[in-house]
Amino acid sequence: QGTSDGKAAYSGAAKKYQGTSDGKAAYSGAAKKYQGTSDGKAKLAEAAKRFESSDSGKAARSKIQMTYRTSSSGNEAVSKYNASLSGSTSRDVYMASEKGKDVQKRYRNTDTWKAAKNRYIGTDKGKTTQQKYNESDKGKESQKQKKK
């Protein structure tokens, strides 16, 4: 084993063994045991952090989030969260932030927003909402600003 021939033979045997089902099972068992140790957990956490901060990690997370959001259970979860107190609170906090205001302003200048707004105003609910807004103090103030 100490000679270069011995090392090469050992390495070749090890590779062959790793390729067998016994070898794979032994490796898998050893990996599971290692993952359970504090060293193993630390190494896994470090690798996970590196992956998450990498471009491919960000892309993977984004893809998973989009896939989930577009699924029926994702839509349901988002709807429940938005309807919840914490959902509406966090939305209000975001909308009041500078970033939220900026995003809103940019979005309202898009054709998508204008089309959605026109579709909504055309519905009964939209007409009612528009009427309530026009009758509110904020709506009256907005009307005065437009006239100026």
Protein backbone atom coordinates (compact mmCIF):
# COMPACT_ATOMS: atom_id res chain seq x y z
CA GLN A 1 0.00 0.00 0.00
CA GLY A 2 2.98 2.30 0.61
CA THR A 3 4.32 1.93 -2.96
CA SER A 4 2.96 3.91 -5.90
CA ASP A 5 1.78 0.63 -7.47
CA GLY A 6 0.08 -0.29 -4.20
CA LYS A 7 -1.61 3.11 -3.96
CA ALA A 8 -2.79 2.90 -7.59
CA ALA A 9 -4.15 -0.62 -7.04
CA TYR A 10 -5.90 0.47 -3.84
CA SER A 11 -7.38 3.52 -5.55
CA GLY A 12 -8.61 1.37 -8.47
CA ALA A 13 -10.17 -1.16 -6.07
CA ALA A 14 -11.81 1.66 -4.09
CA LYS A 15 -13.32 3.14 -7.28
CA LYS A 16 -14.63 -0.27 -8.35
CA TYR A 17 -16.10 -0.85 -4.89
CA GLN A 18 -17.80 2.55 -4.87
CA GLY A 19 -19.47 1.58 -8.15
CA THR A 20 -21.04 -1.60 -6.68
CA SER A 21 -24.41 -1.55 -4.91
CA ASP A 22 -22.66 -2.50 -1.65
CA GLY A 23 -20.24 0.37 -2.12
CA LYS A 24 -23.02 2.83 -2.90
CA ALA A 25 -25.00 1.71 0.16
CA ALA A 26 -21.92 2.00 2.39
CA TYR A 27 -21.15 5.47 1.01
CA SER A 28 -24.76 6.57 1.45
CA GLY A 29 -24.76 5.27 5.04
CA ALA A 30 -21.48 7.03 5.82
CA ALA A 31 -22.78 10.26 4.25
CA LYS A 32 -25.97 10.11 6.35
CA LYS A 33 -23.94 9.53 9.53
CA TYR A 34 -21.61 12.41 8.63
CA GLN A 35 -24.53 14.75 7.90
CA GLY A 36 -25.79 14.05 11.41
CA THR A 37 -22.53 15.19 13.07
CA SER A 38 -21.97 18.83 14.03
CA ASP A 39 -19.09 19.03 11.50
CA GLY A 40 -21.34 17.60 8.80
CA LYS A 41 -24.19 19.98 9.65
CA ALA A 42 -21.82 22.97 9.60
CA LYS A 43 -20.40 21.92 6.20
CA LEU A 44 -23.90 21.39 4.78
CA ALA A 45 -25.09 24.78 6.09
CA GLU A 46 -22.00 26.46 4.62
CA ALA A 47 -22.54 24.76 1.24
CA ALA A 48 -26.23 25.71 1.29
CA LYS A 49 -25.39 29.37 2.01
CA ARG A 50 -22.84 29.43 -0.81
CA PHE A 51 -25.37 27.89 -3.19
CA GLU A 52 -28.18 30.27 -2.16
CA SER A 53 -26.00 33.32 -2.72
CA SER A 54 -24.76 32.05 -6.11
CA ASP A 55 -26.52 33.04 -9.34
CA SER A 56 -27.69 29.47 -9.97
CA GLY A 57 -29.00 29.26 -6.39
CA LYS A 58 -30.95 32.50 -6.78
CA ALA A 59 -32.31 31.33 -10.13
CA ALA A 60 -33.33 27.97 -8.66
CA ARG A 61 -35.10 29.62 -5.71
CA SER A 62 -36.85 32.08 -8.01
CA LYS A 63 -38.00 29.23 -10.30
CA ILE A 64 -39.31 27.23 -7.32
CA GLN A 65 -41.18 30.28 -5.98
CA MET A 66 -42.74 31.04 -9.38
CA THR A 67 -43.74 27.40 -9.88
CA TYR A 68 -45.35 27.36 -6.43
CA ARG A 69 -47.10 30.71 -6.86
CA THR A 70 -48.64 29.64 -10.15
CA SER A 71 -49.83 26.32 -8.71
CA SER A 72 -53.35 26.07 -7.25
CA SER A 73 -52.06 25.47 -3.71
CA GLY A 74 -49.70 28.45 -4.13
CA ASN A 75 -52.54 30.69 -5.30
CA GLU A 76 -54.65 29.53 -2.38
CA ALA A 77 -51.84 30.16 0.12
CA VAL A 78 -51.17 33.64 -1.30
CA SER A 79 -54.90 34.48 -1.21
CA LYS A 80 -55.19 33.30 2.40
CA TYR A 81 -52.10 35.28 3.41
CA ASN A 82 -53.29 38.43 1.62
CA ALA A 83 -56.66 38.16 3.37
CA SER A 84 -55.03 37.63 6.78
CA LEU A 85 -54.21 40.44 9.20
CA SER A 86 -50.45 39.93 8.89
CA GLY A 87 -50.73 39.85 5.09
CA SER A 88 -52.63 43.11 4.88
CA THR A 89 -50.38 44.71 7.50
CA SER A 90 -47.19 43.76 5.67
CA ARG A 91 -48.71 44.93 2.36
CA ASP A 92 -49.65 48.28 3.93
CA VAL A 93 -46.16 48.69 5.40
CA TYR A 94 -44.58 47.87 2.00
CA MET A 95 -46.90 50.22 0.09
CA ALA A 96 -46.05 53.04 2.50
CA SER A 97 -42.30 52.48 2.05
CA GLU A 98 -40.29 54.43 -0.53
CA LYS A 99 -39.62 51.24 -2.51
CA GLY A 100 -43.33 50.34 -2.47
CA LYS A 101 -44.35 53.80 -3.68
CA ASP A 102 -41.73 53.70 -6.43
CA VAL A 103 -42.85 50.25 -7.61
CA GLN A 104 -46.50 51.38 -7.60
CA LYS A 105 -45.68 54.50 -9.57
CA ARG A 106 -43.75 52.55 -12.21
CA TYR A 107 -46.48 49.88 -12.43
CA ARG A 108 -49.26 52.43 -12.87
CA ASN A 109 -47.49 53.77 -15.95
CA THR A 110 -47.60 50.38 -17.70
CA ASP A 111 -50.18 49.35 -20.28
CA THR A 112 -50.88 46.20 -18.22
CA TRP A 113 -52.04 48.32 -15.27
CA LYS A 114 -54.15 50.62 -17.46
CA ALA A 115 -55.83 47.65 -19.15
CA ALA A 116 -56.51 45.94 -15.81
CA LYS A 117 -57.89 49.18 -14.34
CA ASN A 118 -60.22 49.67 -17.31
CA ARG A 119 -61.44 46.07 -17.09
CA TYR A 120 -62.07 46.46 -13.33
CA ILE A 121 -63.88 49.80 -13.68
CA GLY A 122 -66.13 48.16 -16.26
CA THR A 123 -67.40 45.64 -13.67
CA ASP A 124 -70.23 46.30 -11.20
CA LYS A 125 -67.81 46.04 -8.29
CA GLY A 126 -65.46 48.47 -10.01
CA LYS A 127 -68.22 51.01 -10.60
CA THR A 128 -69.29 50.79 -6.95
CA THR A 129 -65.70 51.19 -5.75
CA GLN A 130 -65.15 54.17 -8.07
CA GLN A 131 -68.35 55.81 -6.84
CA LYS A 132 -67.41 55.27 -3.17
CA TYR A 133 -63.96 56.74 -3.86
CA ASN A 134 -65.40 59.79 -5.63
CA GLU A 135 -67.68 60.43 -2.65
CA SER A 136 -64.86 60.06 -0.11
CA ASP A 137 -62.77 63.01 1.15
CA LYS A 138 -59.72 61.67 -0.67
CA GLY A 139 -61.72 61.32 -3.89
CA LYS A 140 -63.12 64.86 -3.64
CA GLU A 141 -59.63 66.23 -3.00
CA SER A 142 -58.34 64.30 -6.04
CA GLN A 143 -61.12 65.77 -8.20
CA LYS A 144 -60.18 69.31 -7.06
CA GLN A 145 -56.51 68.65 -7.95
CA LYS A 146 -57.50 67.45 -11.44
CA LYS A 147 -59.59 70.59 -12.08
CA LYS A 148 -56.62 72.82 -11.22
